[in-house]
Amino acid sequence: MAYQTQIHHISERVERLLLRYEELQRTNALLSQQVEVLTHERDSLKSRLSAARSRVDALLERLPENAHPHQPSTAAGAAAAAVSARAQ
């Protein structure tokens, strides 16, 4: 009789482990989807940042030669200097 009880307990444990395994597989699939979405979002944001940085660099090139980059004389110059400093 003890042998049958042992087999029954082992069988129940195997069933619980299989259910847990299936649950973990579903969780893993969902997490993989989230990673894919977040990776795509990150790549998009990096692309947008690069484009914005290029636009700021182009604007900085158009500034007059006498404008000192560390002492901006206008609000636009201050914003450009702040963006440039963050980029470094």
C-alpha atoms as a PDB file:
ATOM      1  CA  MET A   1       0.000   0.000   0.000  1.00  0.00           C
ATOM      2  CA  ALA A   2       2.848   2.398   0.807  1.00  0.00           C
ATOM      3  CA  TYR A   3       4.245   1.762  -2.663  1.00  0.00           C
ATOM      4  CA  GLN A   4       0.956   2.866  -4.284  1.00  0.00           C
ATOM      5  CA  THR A   5       0.853   6.007  -2.101  1.00  0.00           C
ATOM      6  CA  GLN A   6       4.399   6.870  -3.095  1.00  0.00           C
ATOM      7  CA  ILE A   7       3.578   6.446  -6.774  1.00  0.00           C
ATOM      8  CA  HIS A   8       0.474   8.612  -6.320  1.00  0.00           C
ATOM      9  CA  HIS A   9       2.491  11.404  -4.640  1.00  0.00           C
ATOM     10  CA  ILE A  10       5.130  11.252  -7.347  1.00  0.00           C
ATOM     11  CA  SER A  11       2.434  11.365 -10.017  1.00  0.00           C
ATOM     12  CA  GLU A  12       0.814  14.429  -8.395  1.00  0.00           C
ATOM     13  CA  ARG A  13       4.180  16.144  -8.144  1.00  0.00           C
ATOM     14  CA  VAL A  14       4.934  15.445 -11.808  1.00  0.00           C
ATOM     15  CA  GLU A  15       1.528  16.899 -12.768  1.00  0.00           C
ATOM     16  CA  ARG A  16       2.233  20.063 -10.722  1.00  0.00           C
ATOM     17  CA  LEU A  17       5.670  20.364 -12.295  1.00  0.00           C
ATOM     18  CA  LEU A  18       4.191  20.025 -15.780  1.00  0.00           C
ATOM     19  CA  LEU A  19       1.629  22.741 -15.030  1.00  0.00           C
ATOM     20  CA  ARG A  20       4.377  24.994 -13.679  1.00  0.00           C
ATOM     21  CA  TYR A  21       6.499  24.297 -16.757  1.00  0.00           C
ATOM     22  CA  GLU A  22       3.640  25.278 -19.079  1.00  0.00           C
ATOM     23  CA  GLU A  23       3.021  28.431 -17.036  1.00  0.00           C
ATOM     24  CA  LEU A  24       6.700  29.352 -17.283  1.00  0.00           C
ATOM     25  CA  GLN A  25       6.646  28.759 -21.036  1.00  0.00           C
ATOM     26  CA  ARG A  26       3.706  31.177 -21.419  1.00  0.00           C
ATOM     27  CA  THR A  27       5.422  33.738 -19.197  1.00  0.00           C
ATOM     28  CA  ASN A  28       8.630  33.390 -21.198  1.00  0.00           C
ATOM     29  CA  ALA A  29       6.743  33.909 -24.473  1.00  0.00           C
ATOM     30  CA  LEU A  30       5.109  37.074 -23.112  1.00  0.00           C
ATOM     31  CA  LEU A  31       8.430  38.395 -21.846  1.00  0.00           C
ATOM     32  CA  SER A  32      10.064  37.671 -25.199  1.00  0.00           C
ATOM     33  CA  GLN A  33       7.333  39.686 -26.919  1.00  0.00           C
ATOM     34  CA  GLN A  34       7.898  42.563 -24.492  1.00  0.00           C
ATOM     35  CA  VAL A  35      11.637  42.479 -25.155  1.00  0.00           C
ATOM     36  CA  GLU A  36      10.966  42.635 -28.893  1.00  0.00           C
ATOM     37  CA  VAL A  37       8.594  45.607 -28.507  1.00  0.00           C
ATOM     38  CA  LEU A  38      10.965  47.454 -26.185  1.00  0.00           C
ATOM     39  CA  THR A  39      13.935  46.775 -28.462  1.00  0.00           C
ATOM     40  CA  HIS A  40      12.019  48.224 -31.392  1.00  0.00           C
ATOM     41  CA  GLU A  41      11.016  51.251 -29.290  1.00  0.00           C
ATOM     42  CA  ARG A  42      14.625  51.756 -28.147  1.00  0.00           C
ATOM     43  CA  ASP A  43      15.905  51.582 -31.718  1.00  0.00           C
ATOM     44  CA  SER A  44      13.279  54.097 -32.813  1.00  0.00           C
ATOM     45  CA  LEU A  45      14.205  56.471 -29.987  1.00  0.00           C
ATOM     46  CA  LYS A  46      17.910  56.144 -30.801  1.00  0.00           C
ATOM     47  CA  SER A  47      17.152  56.990 -34.416  1.00  0.00           C
ATOM     48  CA  ARG A  48      15.089  60.019 -33.404  1.00  0.00           C
ATOM     49  CA  LEU A  49      17.844  61.151 -31.035  1.00  0.00           C
ATOM     50  CA  SER A  50      20.420  60.868 -33.789  1.00  0.00           C
ATOM     51  CA  ALA A  51      18.240  62.904 -36.156  1.00  0.00           C
ATOM     52  CA  ALA A  52      17.663  65.563 -33.483  1.00  0.00           C
ATOM     53  CA  ARG A  53      21.378  65.677 -32.719  1.00  0.00           C
ATOM     54  CA  SER A  54      22.100  66.178 -36.425  1.00  0.00           C
ATOM     55  CA  ARG A  55      19.593  69.030 -36.595  1.00  0.00           C
ATOM     56  CA  VAL A  56      21.138  70.677 -33.525  1.00  0.00           C
ATOM     57  CA  ASP A  57      24.625  70.275 -35.008  1.00  0.00           C
ATOM     58  CA  ALA A  58      23.402  71.884 -38.241  1.00  0.00           C
ATOM     59  CA  LEU A  59      21.945  74.778 -36.257  1.00  0.00           C
ATOM     60  CA  LEU A  60      25.202  75.166 -34.330  1.00  0.00           C
ATOM     61  CA  GLU A  61      27.103  75.355 -37.619  1.00  0.00           C
ATOM     62  CA  ARG A  62      24.893  78.254 -38.664  1.00  0.00           C
ATOM     63  CA  LEU A  63      25.727  80.279 -35.542  1.00  0.00           C
ATOM     64  CA  PRO A  64      28.055  83.233 -36.093  1.00  0.00           C
ATOM     65  CA  GLU A  65      31.767  82.638 -35.514  1.00  0.00           C
ATOM     66  CA  ASN A  66      31.930  85.139 -32.630  1.00  0.00           C
ATOM     67  CA  ALA A  67      29.381  83.206 -30.542  1.00  0.00           C
ATOM     68  CA  HIS A  68      31.318  81.391 -27.820  1.00  0.00           C
ATOM     69  CA  PRO A  69      29.900  77.872 -27.253  1.00  0.00           C
ATOM     70  CA  HIS A  70      30.366  78.021 -23.480  1.00  0.00           C
ATOM     71  CA  GLN A  71      28.767  81.454 -23.079  1.00  0.00           C
ATOM     72  CA  PRO A  72      25.654  81.515 -25.255  1.00  0.00           C
ATOM     73  CA  SER A  73      24.200  84.948 -25.836  1.00  0.00           C
ATOM     74  CA  THR A  74      20.672  83.804 -26.648  1.00  0.00           C
ATOM     75  CA  ALA A  75      18.140  81.333 -25.357  1.00  0.00           C
ATOM     76  CA  ALA A  76      18.644  79.251 -28.507  1.00  0.00           C
ATOM     77  CA  GLY A  77      22.372  79.231 -27.895  1.00  0.00           C
ATOM     78  CA  ALA A  78      21.829  78.126 -24.307  1.00  0.00           C
ATOM     79  CA  ALA A  79      19.582  75.295 -25.456  1.00  0.00           C
ATOM     80  CA  ALA A  80      22.095  74.223 -28.090  1.00  0.00           C
ATOM     81  CA  ALA A  81      24.933  74.262 -25.559  1.00  0.00           C
ATOM     82  CA  ALA A  82      22.856  72.194 -23.135  1.00  0.00           C
ATOM     83  CA  VAL A  83      22.049  69.608 -25.800  1.00  0.00           C
ATOM     84  CA  SER A  84      25.672  69.505 -26.901  1.00  0.00           C
ATOM     85  CA  ALA A  85      26.860  69.026 -23.318  1.00  0.00           C
ATOM     86  CA  ARG A  86      24.397  66.164 -22.776  1.00  0.00           C
ATOM     87  CA  ALA A  87      25.554  64.491 -25.980  1.00  0.00           C
ATOM     88  CA  GLN A  88      29.086  64.266 -24.629  1.00  0.00           C
END
